[in-house]
């Protein structure tokens, strides 16, 4: 799990979620959600950012820059359908 802020100073949390499928390759994928939004917050999923293990996902998230996380967030929000 990795906390960061967007361009407007809003806090976000990037983490890895597990895909329920049977394939072990790319089982974990990137999710980003607003920090402190509680249980009812909907996470934005980036299914194209995948890892084979939780260990690799955590290591990658720990080394990603704030710029990269903000770029991924903009990408995910741009893909999300309007509510």
PDB file of N, CA and C in Angstrom:
ATOM      1  N   UNK A   1       0.839  -1.167   0.000  1.00  0.00           N
ATOM      2  CA  UNK A   1       0.000   0.000   0.000  1.00  0.00           C
ATOM      3  C   UNK A   1       0.893   1.242   0.000  1.00  0.00           C
ATOM      4  N   UNK A   2       0.500   2.229  -0.792  1.00  0.00           N
ATOM      5  CA  UNK A   2       1.313   3.442  -0.915  1.00  0.00           C
ATOM      6  C   UNK A   2       0.404   4.658  -0.957  1.00  0.00           C
ATOM      7  N   UNK A   3       0.655   5.618  -0.092  1.00  0.00           N
ATOM      8  CA  UNK A   3      -0.134   6.849  -0.073  1.00  0.00           C
ATOM      9  C   UNK A   3       0.568   7.916  -0.894  1.00  0.00           C
ATOM     10  N   UNK A   4      -0.245   8.743  -1.578  1.00  0.00           N
ATOM     11  CA  UNK A   4       0.284   9.858  -2.356  1.00  0.00           C
ATOM     12  C   UNK A   4      -0.812  10.898  -2.499  1.00  0.00           C
ATOM     13  N   UNK A   5      -0.461  12.069  -3.014  1.00  0.00           N
ATOM     14  CA  UNK A   5      -1.450  13.129  -3.237  1.00  0.00           C
ATOM     15  C   UNK A   5      -1.501  13.462  -4.719  1.00  0.00           C
ATOM     16  N   UNK A   6      -2.704  13.853  -5.181  1.00  0.00           N
ATOM     17  CA  UNK A   6      -2.846  14.240  -6.583  1.00  0.00           C
ATOM     18  C   UNK A   6      -2.458  15.709  -6.763  1.00  0.00           C
ATOM     19  N   UNK A   7      -2.680  16.241  -7.957  1.00  0.00           N
ATOM     20  CA  UNK A   7      -2.281  17.622  -8.269  1.00  0.00           C
ATOM     21  C   UNK A   7      -2.967  18.660  -7.382  1.00  0.00           C
ATOM     22  N   UNK A   8      -4.136  18.318  -6.847  1.00  0.00           N
ATOM     23  CA  UNK A   8      -4.909  19.252  -6.036  1.00  0.00           C
ATOM     24  C   UNK A   8      -4.736  19.015  -4.546  1.00  0.00           C
ATOM     25  N   UNK A   9      -3.834  18.120  -4.176  1.00  0.00           N
ATOM     26  CA  UNK A   9      -3.552  17.863  -2.775  1.00  0.00           C
ATOM     27  C   UNK A   9      -4.460  16.845  -2.114  1.00  0.00           C
ATOM     28  N   UNK A  10      -5.305  16.153  -2.889  1.00  0.00           N
ATOM     29  CA  UNK A  10      -6.184  15.127  -2.333  1.00  0.00           C
ATOM     30  C   UNK A  10      -5.392  13.851  -2.083  1.00  0.00           C
ATOM     31  N   UNK A  11      -5.580  13.232  -0.914  1.00  0.00           N
ATOM     32  CA  UNK A  11      -4.823  12.013  -0.608  1.00  0.00           C
ATOM     33  C   UNK A  11      -5.437  10.782  -1.274  1.00  0.00           C
ATOM     34  N   UNK A  12      -4.592   9.895  -1.785  1.00  0.00           N
ATOM     35  CA  UNK A  12      -4.987   8.653  -2.436  1.00  0.00           C
ATOM     36  C   UNK A  12      -4.124   7.517  -1.910  1.00  0.00           C
ATOM     37  N   UNK A  13      -4.611   6.291  -2.074  1.00  0.00           N
ATOM     38  CA  UNK A  13      -3.871   5.101  -1.671  1.00  0.00           C
ATOM     39  C   UNK A  13      -3.816   4.146  -2.863  1.00  0.00           C
ATOM     40  N   UNK A  14      -2.615   3.773  -3.247  1.00  0.00           N
ATOM     41  CA  UNK A  14      -2.413   2.789  -4.311  1.00  0.00           C
ATOM     42  C   UNK A  14      -2.089   1.454  -3.655  1.00  0.00           C
ATOM     43  N   UNK A  15      -2.712   0.399  -4.136  1.00  0.00           N
ATOM     44  CA  UNK A  15      -2.451  -0.924  -3.584  1.00  0.00           C
ATOM     45  C   UNK A  15      -2.670  -1.984  -4.661  1.00  0.00           C
ATOM     46  N   UNK A  16      -2.443  -3.213  -4.289  1.00  0.00           N
ATOM     47  CA  UNK A  16      -2.623  -4.323  -5.224  1.00  0.00           C
ATOM     48  C   UNK A  16      -3.832  -5.137  -4.778  1.00  0.00           C
ATOM     49  N   UNK A  17      -4.638  -5.532  -5.749  1.00  0.00           N
ATOM     50  CA  UNK A  17      -5.783  -6.401  -5.487  1.00  0.00           C
ATOM     51  C   UNK A  17      -5.546  -7.717  -6.207  1.00  0.00           C
ATOM     52  N   UNK A  18      -6.165  -8.750  -5.705  1.00  0.00           N
ATOM     53  CA  UNK A  18      -5.975 -10.083  -6.280  1.00  0.00           C
ATOM     54  C   UNK A  18      -7.129 -10.423  -7.214  1.00  0.00           C
ATOM     55  N   UNK A  19      -6.786 -10.903  -8.386  1.00  0.00           N
ATOM     56  CA  UNK A  19      -7.771 -11.361  -9.354  1.00  0.00           C
ATOM     57  C   UNK A  19      -8.208 -12.759  -8.946  1.00  0.00           C
ATOM     58  N   UNK A  20      -9.491 -13.014  -9.023  1.00  0.00           N
ATOM     59  CA  UNK A  20     -10.032 -14.298  -8.581  1.00  0.00           C
ATOM     60  C   UNK A  20      -9.817 -15.423  -9.592  1.00  0.00           C
ATOM     61  N   UNK A  21      -9.304 -15.113 -10.748  1.00  0.00           N
ATOM     62  CA  UNK A  21      -9.108 -16.123 -11.785  1.00  0.00           C
ATOM     63  C   UNK A  21      -8.086 -17.180 -11.401  1.00  0.00           C
ATOM     64  N   UNK A  22      -8.064 -18.265 -12.151  1.00  0.00           N
ATOM     65  CA  UNK A  22      -7.171 -19.371 -11.850  1.00  0.00           C
ATOM     66  C   UNK A  22      -5.753 -19.206 -12.357  1.00  0.00           C
ATOM     67  N   UNK A  23      -5.526 -18.230 -13.210  1.00  0.00           N
ATOM     68  CA  UNK A  23      -4.191 -18.031 -13.776  1.00  0.00           C
ATOM     69  C   UNK A  23      -3.297 -17.322 -12.769  1.00  0.00           C
ATOM     70  N   UNK A  24      -2.123 -17.883 -12.518  1.00  0.00           N
ATOM     71  CA  UNK A  24      -1.216 -17.260 -11.550  1.00  0.00           C
ATOM     72  C   UNK A  24      -0.437 -16.095 -12.151  1.00  0.00           C
ATOM     73  N   UNK A  25      -0.303 -16.036 -13.471  1.00  0.00           N
ATOM     74  CA  UNK A  25       0.440 -14.943 -14.096  1.00  0.00           C
ATOM     75  C   UNK A  25      -0.409 -13.685 -14.100  1.00  0.00           C
ATOM     76  N   UNK A  26       0.127 -12.632 -13.553  1.00  0.00           N
ATOM     77  CA  UNK A  26      -0.615 -11.380 -13.502  1.00  0.00           C
ATOM     78  C   UNK A  26      -1.807 -11.432 -12.584  1.00  0.00           C
ATOM     79  N   UNK A  27      -1.703 -12.179 -11.523  1.00  0.00           N
ATOM     80  CA  UNK A  27      -2.828 -12.354 -10.597  1.00  0.00           C
ATOM     81  C   UNK A  27      -3.168 -11.065  -9.847  1.00  0.00           C
ATOM     82  N   UNK A  28      -2.174 -10.232  -9.582  1.00  0.00           N
ATOM     83  CA  UNK A  28      -2.394  -8.998  -8.821  1.00  0.00           C
ATOM     84  C   UNK A  28      -2.388  -7.797  -9.762  1.00  0.00           C
ATOM     85  N   UNK A  29      -3.257  -6.834  -9.496  1.00  0.00           N
ATOM     86  CA  UNK A  29      -3.351  -5.647 -10.335  1.00  0.00           C
ATOM     87  C   UNK A  29      -3.466  -4.398  -9.466  1.00  0.00           C
ATOM     88  N   UNK A  30      -3.217  -3.262 -10.070  1.00  0.00           N
ATOM     89  CA  UNK A  30      -3.179  -1.978  -9.365  1.00  0.00           C
ATOM     90  C   UNK A  30      -4.575  -1.433  -9.118  1.00  0.00           C
ATOM     91  N   UNK A  31      -4.833  -1.001  -7.892  1.00  0.00           N
ATOM     92  CA  UNK A  31      -6.054  -0.289  -7.547  1.00  0.00           C
ATOM     93  C   UNK A  31      -5.671   1.007  -6.847  1.00  0.00           C
ATOM     94  N   UNK A  32      -6.464   2.038  -7.073  1.00  0.00           N
ATOM     95  CA  UNK A  32      -6.232   3.335  -6.436  1.00  0.00           C
ATOM     96  C   UNK A  32      -7.568   3.817  -5.884  1.00  0.00           C
ATOM     97  N   UNK A  33      -7.557   4.238  -4.615  1.00  0.00           N
ATOM     98  CA  UNK A  33      -8.773   4.780  -4.019  1.00  0.00           C
ATOM     99  C   UNK A  33      -8.440   5.980  -3.152  1.00  0.00           C
ATOM    100  N   UNK A  34      -9.441   6.812  -2.938  1.00  0.00           N
ATOM    101  CA  UNK A  34      -9.271   8.000  -2.124  1.00  0.00           C
ATOM    102  C   UNK A  34      -9.003   7.599  -0.675  1.00  0.00           C
ATOM    103  N   UNK A  35      -7.994   8.195  -0.078  1.00  0.00           N
ATOM    104  CA  UNK A  35      -7.641   7.886   1.313  1.00  0.00           C
ATOM    105  C   UNK A  35      -8.714   8.428   2.251  1.00  0.00           C
ATOM    106  N   UNK A  36      -9.067   7.634   3.252  1.00  0.00           N
ATOM    107  CA  UNK A  36     -10.017   8.067   4.264  1.00  0.00           C
ATOM    108  C   UNK A  36     -11.454   8.103   3.791  1.00  0.00           C
ATOM    109  N   UNK A  37     -11.762   7.517   2.652  1.00  0.00           N
ATOM    110  CA  UNK A  37     -13.127   7.553   2.140  1.00  0.00           C
ATOM    111  C   UNK A  37     -14.002   6.460   2.750  1.00  0.00           C
ATOM    112  N   UNK A  38     -13.404   5.549   3.493  1.00  0.00           N
ATOM    113  CA  UNK A  38     -14.177   4.509   4.161  1.00  0.00           C
ATOM    114  C   UNK A  38     -14.516   3.334   3.255  1.00  0.00           C
ATOM    115  N   UNK A  39     -15.401   2.485   3.770  1.00  0.00           N
ATOM    116  CA  UNK A  39     -15.764   1.260   3.061  1.00  0.00           C
ATOM    117  C   UNK A  39     -16.505   1.517   1.763  1.00  0.00           C
ATOM    118  N   UNK A  40     -17.239   2.613   1.695  1.00  0.00           N
ATOM    119  CA  UNK A  40     -18.108   2.859   0.550  1.00  0.00           C
ATOM    120  C   UNK A  40     -17.394   3.535  -0.613  1.00  0.00           C
ATOM    121  N   UNK A  41     -16.112   3.743  -0.478  1.00  0.00           N
ATOM    122  CA  UNK A  41     -15.356   4.354  -1.571  1.00  0.00           C
ATOM    123  C   UNK A  41     -15.145   3.318  -2.673  1.00  0.00           C
ATOM    124  N   UNK A  42     -15.325   3.756  -3.889  1.00  0.00           N
ATOM    125  CA  UNK A  42     -15.087   2.830  -5.001  1.00  0.00           C
ATOM    126  C   UNK A  42     -13.646   2.992  -5.469  1.00  0.00           C
ATOM    127  N   UNK A  43     -12.983   1.878  -5.577  1.00  0.00           N
ATOM    128  CA  UNK A  43     -11.599   1.889  -6.034  1.00  0.00           C
ATOM    129  C   UNK A  43     -11.570   1.964  -7.553  1.00  0.00           C
ATOM    130  N   UNK A  44     -10.582   2.645  -8.057  1.00  0.00           N
ATOM    131  CA  UNK A  44     -10.345   2.700  -9.496  1.00  0.00           C
ATOM    132  C   UNK A  44      -9.336   1.601  -9.794  1.00  0.00           C
ATOM    133  N   UNK A  45      -9.691   0.718 -10.710  1.00  0.00           N
ATOM    134  CA  UNK A  45      -8.829  -0.425 -11.014  1.00  0.00           C
ATOM    135  C   UNK A  45      -8.094  -0.215 -12.328  1.00  0.00           C
ATOM    136  N   UNK A  46      -6.816  -0.531 -12.325  1.00  0.00           N
ATOM    137  CA  UNK A  46      -6.009  -0.506 -13.542  1.00  0.00           C
ATOM    138  C   UNK A  46      -5.577  -1.938 -13.812  1.00  0.00           C
ATOM    139  N   UNK A  47      -6.427  -2.670 -14.493  1.00  0.00           N
ATOM    140  CA  UNK A  47      -6.183  -4.093 -14.724  1.00  0.00           C
ATOM    141  C   UNK A  47      -5.016  -4.342 -15.682  1.00  0.00           C
ATOM    142  N   UNK A  48      -4.558  -3.308 -16.368  1.00  0.00           N
ATOM    143  CA  UNK A  48      -3.426  -3.496 -17.277  1.00  0.00           C
ATOM    144  C   UNK A  48      -2.084  -3.388 -16.563  1.00  0.00           C
ATOM    145  N   UNK A  49      -2.081  -2.968 -15.303  1.00  0.00           N
ATOM    146  CA  UNK A  49      -0.858  -2.939 -14.490  1.00  0.00           C
ATOM    147  C   UNK A  49      -0.930  -4.161 -13.589  1.00  0.00           C
ATOM    148  N   UNK A  50      -0.150  -5.201 -13.929  1.00  0.00           N
ATOM    149  CA  UNK A  50      -0.268  -6.491 -13.248  1.00  0.00           C
ATOM    150  C   UNK A  50       1.083  -6.987 -12.726  1.00  0.00           C
ATOM    151  N   UNK A  51       0.971  -7.808 -11.672  1.00  0.00           N
ATOM    152  CA  UNK A  51       2.138  -8.447 -11.082  1.00  0.00           C
ATOM    153  C   UNK A  51       1.831  -9.916 -10.827  1.00  0.00           C
ATOM    154  N   UNK A  52       2.865 -10.743 -10.813  1.00  0.00           N
ATOM    155  CA  UNK A  52       2.684 -12.172 -10.568  1.00  0.00           C
ATOM    156  C   UNK A  52       2.568 -12.512  -9.093  1.00  0.00           C
ATOM    157  N   UNK A  53       3.117 -11.665  -8.220  1.00  0.00           N
ATOM    158  CA  UNK A  53       3.057 -11.953  -6.789  1.00  0.00           C
ATOM    159  C   UNK A  53       2.801 -10.669  -6.008  1.00  0.00           C
ATOM    160  N   UNK A  54       2.282 -10.844  -4.804  1.00  0.00           N
ATOM    161  CA  UNK A  54       2.044  -9.702  -3.930  1.00  0.00           C
ATOM    162  C   UNK A  54       3.360  -9.054  -3.518  1.00  0.00           C
ATOM    163  N   UNK A  55       4.389  -9.859  -3.350  1.00  0.00           N
ATOM    164  CA  UNK A  55       5.712  -9.338  -2.991  1.00  0.00           C
ATOM    165  C   UNK A  55       6.223  -8.376  -4.067  1.00  0.00           C
ATOM    166  N   UNK A  56       6.095  -8.769  -5.324  1.00  0.00           N
ATOM    167  CA  UNK A  56       6.521  -7.917  -6.435  1.00  0.00           C
ATOM    168  C   UNK A  56       5.675  -6.657  -6.508  1.00  0.00           C
ATOM    169  N   UNK A  57       4.371  -6.785  -6.297  1.00  0.00           N
ATOM    170  CA  UNK A  57       3.478  -5.628  -6.320  1.00  0.00           C
ATOM    171  C   UNK A  57       3.868  -4.619  -5.242  1.00  0.00           C
ATOM    172  N   UNK A  58       4.104  -5.101  -4.042  1.00  0.00           N
ATOM    173  CA  UNK A  58       4.489  -4.210  -2.940  1.00  0.00           C
ATOM    174  C   UNK A  58       5.822  -3.526  -3.210  1.00  0.00           C
ATOM    175  N   UNK A  59       6.775  -4.272  -3.739  1.00  0.00           N
ATOM    176  CA  UNK A  59       8.084  -3.691  -4.048  1.00  0.00           C
ATOM    177  C   UNK A  59       7.958  -2.612  -5.120  1.00  0.00           C
ATOM    178  N   UNK A  60       7.182  -2.888  -6.150  1.00  0.00           N
ATOM    179  CA  UNK A  60       7.001  -1.916  -7.224  1.00  0.00           C
ATOM    180  C   UNK A  60       6.298  -0.662  -6.713  1.00  0.00           C
ATOM    181  N   UNK A  61       5.237  -0.828  -5.950  1.00  0.00           N
ATOM    182  CA  UNK A  61       4.523   0.332  -5.406  1.00  0.00           C
ATOM    183  C   UNK A  61       5.422   1.168  -4.501  1.00  0.00           C
ATOM    184  N   UNK A  62       6.280   0.513  -3.735  1.00  0.00           N
ATOM    185  CA  UNK A  62       7.176   1.235  -2.830  1.00  0.00           C
ATOM    186  C   UNK A  62       8.195   2.069  -3.590  1.00  0.00           C
ATOM    187  N   UNK A  63       8.530   1.658  -4.811  1.00  0.00           N
ATOM    188  CA  UNK A  63       9.553   2.379  -5.568  1.00  0.00           C
ATOM    189  C   UNK A  63       8.983   3.323  -6.626  1.00  0.00           C
ATOM    190  N   UNK A  64       7.667   3.305  -6.837  1.00  0.00           N
ATOM    191  CA  UNK A  64       7.062   4.207  -7.824  1.00  0.00           C
ATOM    192  C   UNK A  64       7.112   5.642  -7.308  1.00  0.00           C
ATOM    193  N   UNK A  65       7.399   6.570  -8.186  1.00  0.00           N
ATOM    194  CA  UNK A  65       7.441   7.980  -7.792  1.00  0.00           C
ATOM    195  C   UNK A  65       6.027   8.538  -7.692  1.00  0.00           C
ATOM    196  N   UNK A  66       5.904   9.649  -7.013  1.00  0.00           N
ATOM    197  CA  UNK A  66       4.624  10.341  -6.924  1.00  0.00           C
ATOM    198  C   UNK A  66       4.123  10.767  -8.290  1.00  0.00           C
ATOM    199  N   UNK A  67       5.036  11.158  -9.157  1.00  0.00           N
ATOM    200  CA  UNK A  67       4.674  11.557 -10.522  1.00  0.00           C
ATOM    201  C   UNK A  67       4.047  10.375 -11.267  1.00  0.00           C
ATOM    202  N   UNK A  68       4.649   9.216 -11.149  1.00  0.00           N
ATOM    203  CA  UNK A  68       4.120   8.025 -11.816  1.00  0.00           C
ATOM    204  C   UNK A  68       2.750   7.640 -11.266  1.00  0.00           C
ATOM    205  N   UNK A  69       2.586   7.707  -9.952  1.00  0.00           N
ATOM    206  CA  UNK A  69       1.293   7.379  -9.353  1.00  0.00           C
ATOM    207  C   UNK A  69       0.217   8.364  -9.790  1.00  0.00           C
ATOM    208  N   UNK A  70       0.545   9.642  -9.849  1.00  0.00           N
ATOM    209  CA  UNK A  70      -0.433  10.637 -10.327  1.00  0.00           C
ATOM    210  C   UNK A  70      -0.786  10.404 -11.784  1.00  0.00           C
ATOM    211  N   UNK A  71       0.188  10.014 -12.592  1.00  0.00           N
ATOM    212  CA  UNK A  71      -0.069   9.723 -14.003  1.00  0.00           C
ATOM    213  C   UNK A  71      -1.003   8.527 -14.136  1.00  0.00           C
ATOM    214  N   UNK A  72      -0.753   7.493 -13.354  1.00  0.00           N
ATOM    215  CA  UNK A  72      -1.624   6.312 -13.368  1.00  0.00           C
ATOM    216  C   UNK A  72      -3.034   6.659 -12.901  1.00  0.00           C
ATOM    217  N   UNK A  73      -3.132   7.525 -11.896  1.00  0.00           N
ATOM    218  CA  UNK A  73      -4.446   7.952 -11.406  1.00  0.00           C
ATOM    219  C   UNK A  73      -5.205   8.704 -12.490  1.00  0.00           C
ATOM    220  N   UNK A  74      -4.550   9.643 -13.166  1.00  0.00           N
ATOM    221  CA  UNK A  74      -5.209  10.381 -14.261  1.00  0.00           C
ATOM    222  C   UNK A  74      -5.675   9.422 -15.351  1.00  0.00           C
ATOM    223  N   UNK A  75      -4.858   8.443 -15.656  1.00  0.00           N
ATOM    224  CA  UNK A  75      -5.212   7.455 -16.669  1.00  0.00           C
ATOM    225  C   UNK A  75      -6.457   6.666 -16.236  1.00  0.00           C
ATOM    226  N   UNK A  76      -6.472   6.242 -14.987  1.00  0.00           N
ATOM    227  CA  UNK A  76      -7.594   5.448 -14.489  1.00  0.00           C
ATOM    228  C   UNK A  76      -8.874   6.268 -14.441  1.00  0.00           C
ATOM    229  N   UNK A  77      -8.786   7.508 -13.987  1.00  0.00           N
ATOM    230  CA  UNK A  77      -9.980   8.358 -13.919  1.00  0.00           C
ATOM    231  C   UNK A  77     -10.491   8.701 -15.304  1.00  0.00           C
ATOM    232  N   UNK A  78      -9.600   8.809 -16.270  1.00  0.00           N
ATOM    233  CA  UNK A  78     -10.007   9.085 -17.642  1.00  0.00           C
ATOM    234  C   UNK A  78     -10.755   7.926 -18.279  1.00  0.00           C
ATOM    235  N   UNK A  79     -10.488   6.709 -17.810  1.00  0.00           N
ATOM    236  CA  UNK A  79     -11.142   5.530 -18.346  1.00  0.00           C
ATOM    237  C   UNK A  79     -12.452   5.207 -17.636  1.00  0.00           C
ATOM    238  N   UNK A  80     -12.594   5.707 -16.409  1.00  0.00           N
ATOM    239  CA  UNK A  80     -13.755   5.358 -15.601  1.00  0.00           C
ATOM    240  C   UNK A  80     -15.025   5.951 -16.193  1.00  0.00           C
ATOM    241  N   UNK A  81     -16.100   5.165 -16.320  1.00  0.00           N
ATOM    242  CA  UNK A  81     -17.348   5.699 -16.860  1.00  0.00           C
ATOM    243  C   UNK A  81     -17.956   6.732 -15.911  1.00  0.00           C
ATOM    244  N   UNK A  82     -18.646   7.710 -16.486  1.00  0.00           N
ATOM    245  CA  UNK A  82     -19.282   8.761 -15.674  1.00  0.00           C
ATOM    246  C   UNK A  82     -20.371   8.150 -14.806  1.00  0.00           C
ATOM    247  N   UNK A  83     -20.480   8.658 -13.590  1.00  0.00           N
ATOM    248  CA  UNK A  83     -21.488   8.129 -12.650  1.00  0.00           C
ATOM    249  C   UNK A  83     -22.762   8.914 -12.741  1.00  0.00           C
TER     250      UNK A  83
END
